[in-house]
Amino acid sequence: MADLGISHTQANYYGSVPTKKPASMRQKLHFALNATLFTAAFAFVAALVCGVIG
């Protein structure tokens, strides 16, 4: 890594390493909704390909 004249502590302070926050309830719901929609879409396309639908 290039020597920029700053220490790792300073680099971390200025935001080069993202801080990991626990997920909020809204983020968890958003993830669950996206996962559900993705799974439903995959199942629908798989059913079309296999001839179960239409």
N, C-alpha and C. Protein backbone atom coordinates (compact mmCIF):
# COMPACT_ATOMS: atom_id res chain seq x y z
N MET A 1 0.85 -1.18 0.00
CA MET A 1 0.00 0.00 0.00
C MET A 1 0.89 1.24 0.00
N ALA A 2 0.48 2.26 -0.67
CA ALA A 2 1.28 3.48 -0.76
C ALA A 2 1.38 4.17 0.59
N ASP A 3 2.53 4.75 0.83
CA ASP A 3 2.73 5.49 2.07
C ASP A 3 2.26 6.92 1.84
N LEU A 4 1.11 7.26 2.38
CA LEU A 4 0.53 8.58 2.19
C LEU A 4 0.86 9.53 3.33
N GLY A 5 1.68 9.07 4.27
CA GLY A 5 2.07 9.93 5.37
C GLY A 5 1.05 9.98 6.50
N ILE A 6 0.07 9.09 6.48
CA ILE A 6 -0.89 9.04 7.57
C ILE A 6 -0.93 7.63 8.12
N SER A 7 -1.25 7.52 9.38
CA SER A 7 -1.30 6.20 10.01
C SER A 7 -2.64 5.53 9.72
N HIS A 8 -2.71 4.25 10.02
CA HIS A 8 -3.98 3.52 9.83
C HIS A 8 -5.07 4.10 10.71
N THR A 9 -4.71 4.53 11.89
CA THR A 9 -5.71 5.12 12.79
C THR A 9 -6.32 6.36 12.17
N GLN A 10 -5.49 7.20 11.58
CA GLN A 10 -6.01 8.40 10.94
C GLN A 10 -6.85 8.05 9.71
N ALA A 11 -6.39 7.07 8.93
CA ALA A 11 -7.14 6.66 7.75
C ALA A 11 -8.50 6.12 8.15
N ASN A 12 -8.55 5.33 9.22
CA ASN A 12 -9.83 4.81 9.69
C ASN A 12 -10.73 5.93 10.17
N TYR A 13 -10.16 6.92 10.82
CA TYR A 13 -10.95 8.04 11.32
C TYR A 13 -11.60 8.80 10.17
N TYR A 14 -10.89 8.94 9.08
CA TYR A 14 -11.42 9.71 7.95
C TYR A 14 -12.31 8.89 7.03
N GLY A 15 -12.62 7.66 7.40
CA GLY A 15 -13.67 6.93 6.71
C GLY A 15 -13.23 5.99 5.61
N SER A 16 -11.97 5.59 5.56
CA SER A 16 -11.57 4.66 4.52
C SER A 16 -12.09 3.25 4.82
N VAL A 17 -12.37 2.96 6.06
CA VAL A 17 -12.93 1.66 6.46
C VAL A 17 -14.36 1.90 6.91
N PRO A 18 -15.35 1.32 6.21
CA PRO A 18 -16.74 1.57 6.61
C PRO A 18 -17.04 0.98 7.99
N THR A 19 -17.83 1.72 8.75
CA THR A 19 -18.22 1.22 10.07
C THR A 19 -19.40 0.28 9.89
N LYS A 20 -19.40 -0.81 10.63
CA LYS A 20 -20.45 -1.82 10.52
C LYS A 20 -21.47 -1.57 11.62
N LYS A 21 -22.66 -1.11 11.22
CA LYS A 21 -23.73 -0.86 12.18
C LYS A 21 -24.69 -2.04 12.16
N PRO A 22 -25.29 -2.35 13.29
CA PRO A 22 -26.32 -3.39 13.26
C PRO A 22 -27.50 -2.94 12.40
N ALA A 23 -28.09 -3.88 11.69
CA ALA A 23 -29.19 -3.55 10.78
C ALA A 23 -30.42 -3.11 11.57
N SER A 24 -31.06 -2.06 11.07
CA SER A 24 -32.28 -1.58 11.71
C SER A 24 -33.45 -2.47 11.28
N MET A 25 -34.56 -2.30 11.95
CA MET A 25 -35.75 -3.10 11.63
C MET A 25 -36.20 -2.82 10.19
N ARG A 26 -36.11 -1.57 9.76
CA ARG A 26 -36.51 -1.23 8.40
C ARG A 26 -35.62 -1.93 7.37
N GLN A 27 -34.32 -1.99 7.63
CA GLN A 27 -33.40 -2.67 6.72
C GLN A 27 -33.70 -4.17 6.67
N LYS A 28 -34.03 -4.74 7.83
CA LYS A 28 -34.35 -6.17 7.86
C LYS A 28 -35.62 -6.46 7.07
N LEU A 29 -36.64 -5.60 7.22
CA LEU A 29 -37.88 -5.79 6.47
C LEU A 29 -37.64 -5.63 4.98
N HIS A 30 -36.82 -4.65 4.61
CA HIS A 30 -36.51 -4.41 3.21
C HIS A 30 -35.81 -5.63 2.61
N PHE A 31 -34.85 -6.19 3.34
CA PHE A 31 -34.14 -7.38 2.87
C PHE A 31 -35.09 -8.56 2.73
N ALA A 32 -35.97 -8.75 3.72
CA ALA A 32 -36.91 -9.86 3.67
C ALA A 32 -37.86 -9.73 2.49
N LEU A 33 -38.33 -8.51 2.22
CA LEU A 33 -39.22 -8.28 1.09
C LEU A 33 -38.50 -8.56 -0.22
N ASN A 34 -37.28 -8.06 -0.36
CA ASN A 34 -36.52 -8.31 -1.58
C ASN A 34 -36.25 -9.80 -1.78
N ALA A 35 -35.89 -10.49 -0.72
CA ALA A 35 -35.62 -11.92 -0.83
C ALA A 35 -36.87 -12.68 -1.23
N THR A 36 -38.02 -12.30 -0.67
CA THR A 36 -39.29 -12.95 -1.01
C THR A 36 -39.66 -12.71 -2.47
N LEU A 37 -39.52 -11.47 -2.93
CA LEU A 37 -39.85 -11.16 -4.32
C LEU A 37 -38.91 -11.88 -5.28
N PHE A 38 -37.63 -11.92 -4.95
CA PHE A 38 -36.66 -12.61 -5.80
C PHE A 38 -36.98 -14.10 -5.88
N THR A 39 -37.30 -14.70 -4.75
CA THR A 39 -37.63 -16.13 -4.73
C THR A 39 -38.90 -16.41 -5.53
N ALA A 40 -39.91 -15.56 -5.38
CA ALA A 40 -41.16 -15.75 -6.12
C ALA A 40 -40.92 -15.61 -7.63
N ALA A 41 -40.12 -14.63 -8.02
CA ALA A 41 -39.84 -14.44 -9.45
C ALA A 41 -39.07 -15.64 -10.00
N PHE A 42 -38.11 -16.14 -9.24
CA PHE A 42 -37.34 -17.31 -9.69
C PHE A 42 -38.25 -18.52 -9.84
N ALA A 43 -39.14 -18.73 -8.87
CA ALA A 43 -40.05 -19.87 -8.93
C ALA A 43 -40.99 -19.75 -10.13
N PHE A 44 -41.45 -18.54 -10.41
CA PHE A 44 -42.35 -18.31 -11.54
C PHE A 44 -41.65 -18.62 -12.86
N VAL A 45 -40.43 -18.13 -13.02
CA VAL A 45 -39.69 -18.39 -14.26
C VAL A 45 -39.37 -19.88 -14.39
N ALA A 46 -39.01 -20.50 -13.29
CA ALA A 46 -38.73 -21.94 -13.33
C ALA A 46 -39.97 -22.72 -13.73
N ALA A 47 -41.13 -22.32 -13.22
CA ALA A 47 -42.38 -22.99 -13.58
C ALA A 47 -42.71 -22.79 -15.06
N LEU A 48 -42.44 -21.60 -15.59
CA LEU A 48 -42.66 -21.37 -17.02
C LEU A 48 -41.75 -22.25 -17.86
N VAL A 49 -40.49 -22.32 -17.49
CA VAL A 49 -39.52 -23.11 -18.25
C VAL A 49 -39.87 -24.59 -18.21
N CYS A 50 -40.30 -25.05 -17.06
CA CYS A 50 -40.62 -26.49 -16.92
C CYS A 50 -42.00 -26.84 -17.45
N GLY A 51 -42.77 -25.87 -17.85
CA GLY A 51 -44.08 -26.13 -18.43
C GLY A 51 -45.19 -26.34 -17.43
N VAL A 52 -44.95 -25.98 -16.18
CA VAL A 52 -45.98 -26.14 -15.17
C VAL A 52 -47.08 -25.09 -15.38
N ILE A 53 -46.68 -23.91 -15.83
CA ILE A 53 -47.63 -22.82 -16.08
C ILE A 53 -47.72 -22.62 -17.59
N GLY A 54 -48.97 -22.43 -18.07
CA GLY A 54 -49.24 -22.06 -19.43
C GLY A 54 -48.81 -23.04 -20.45
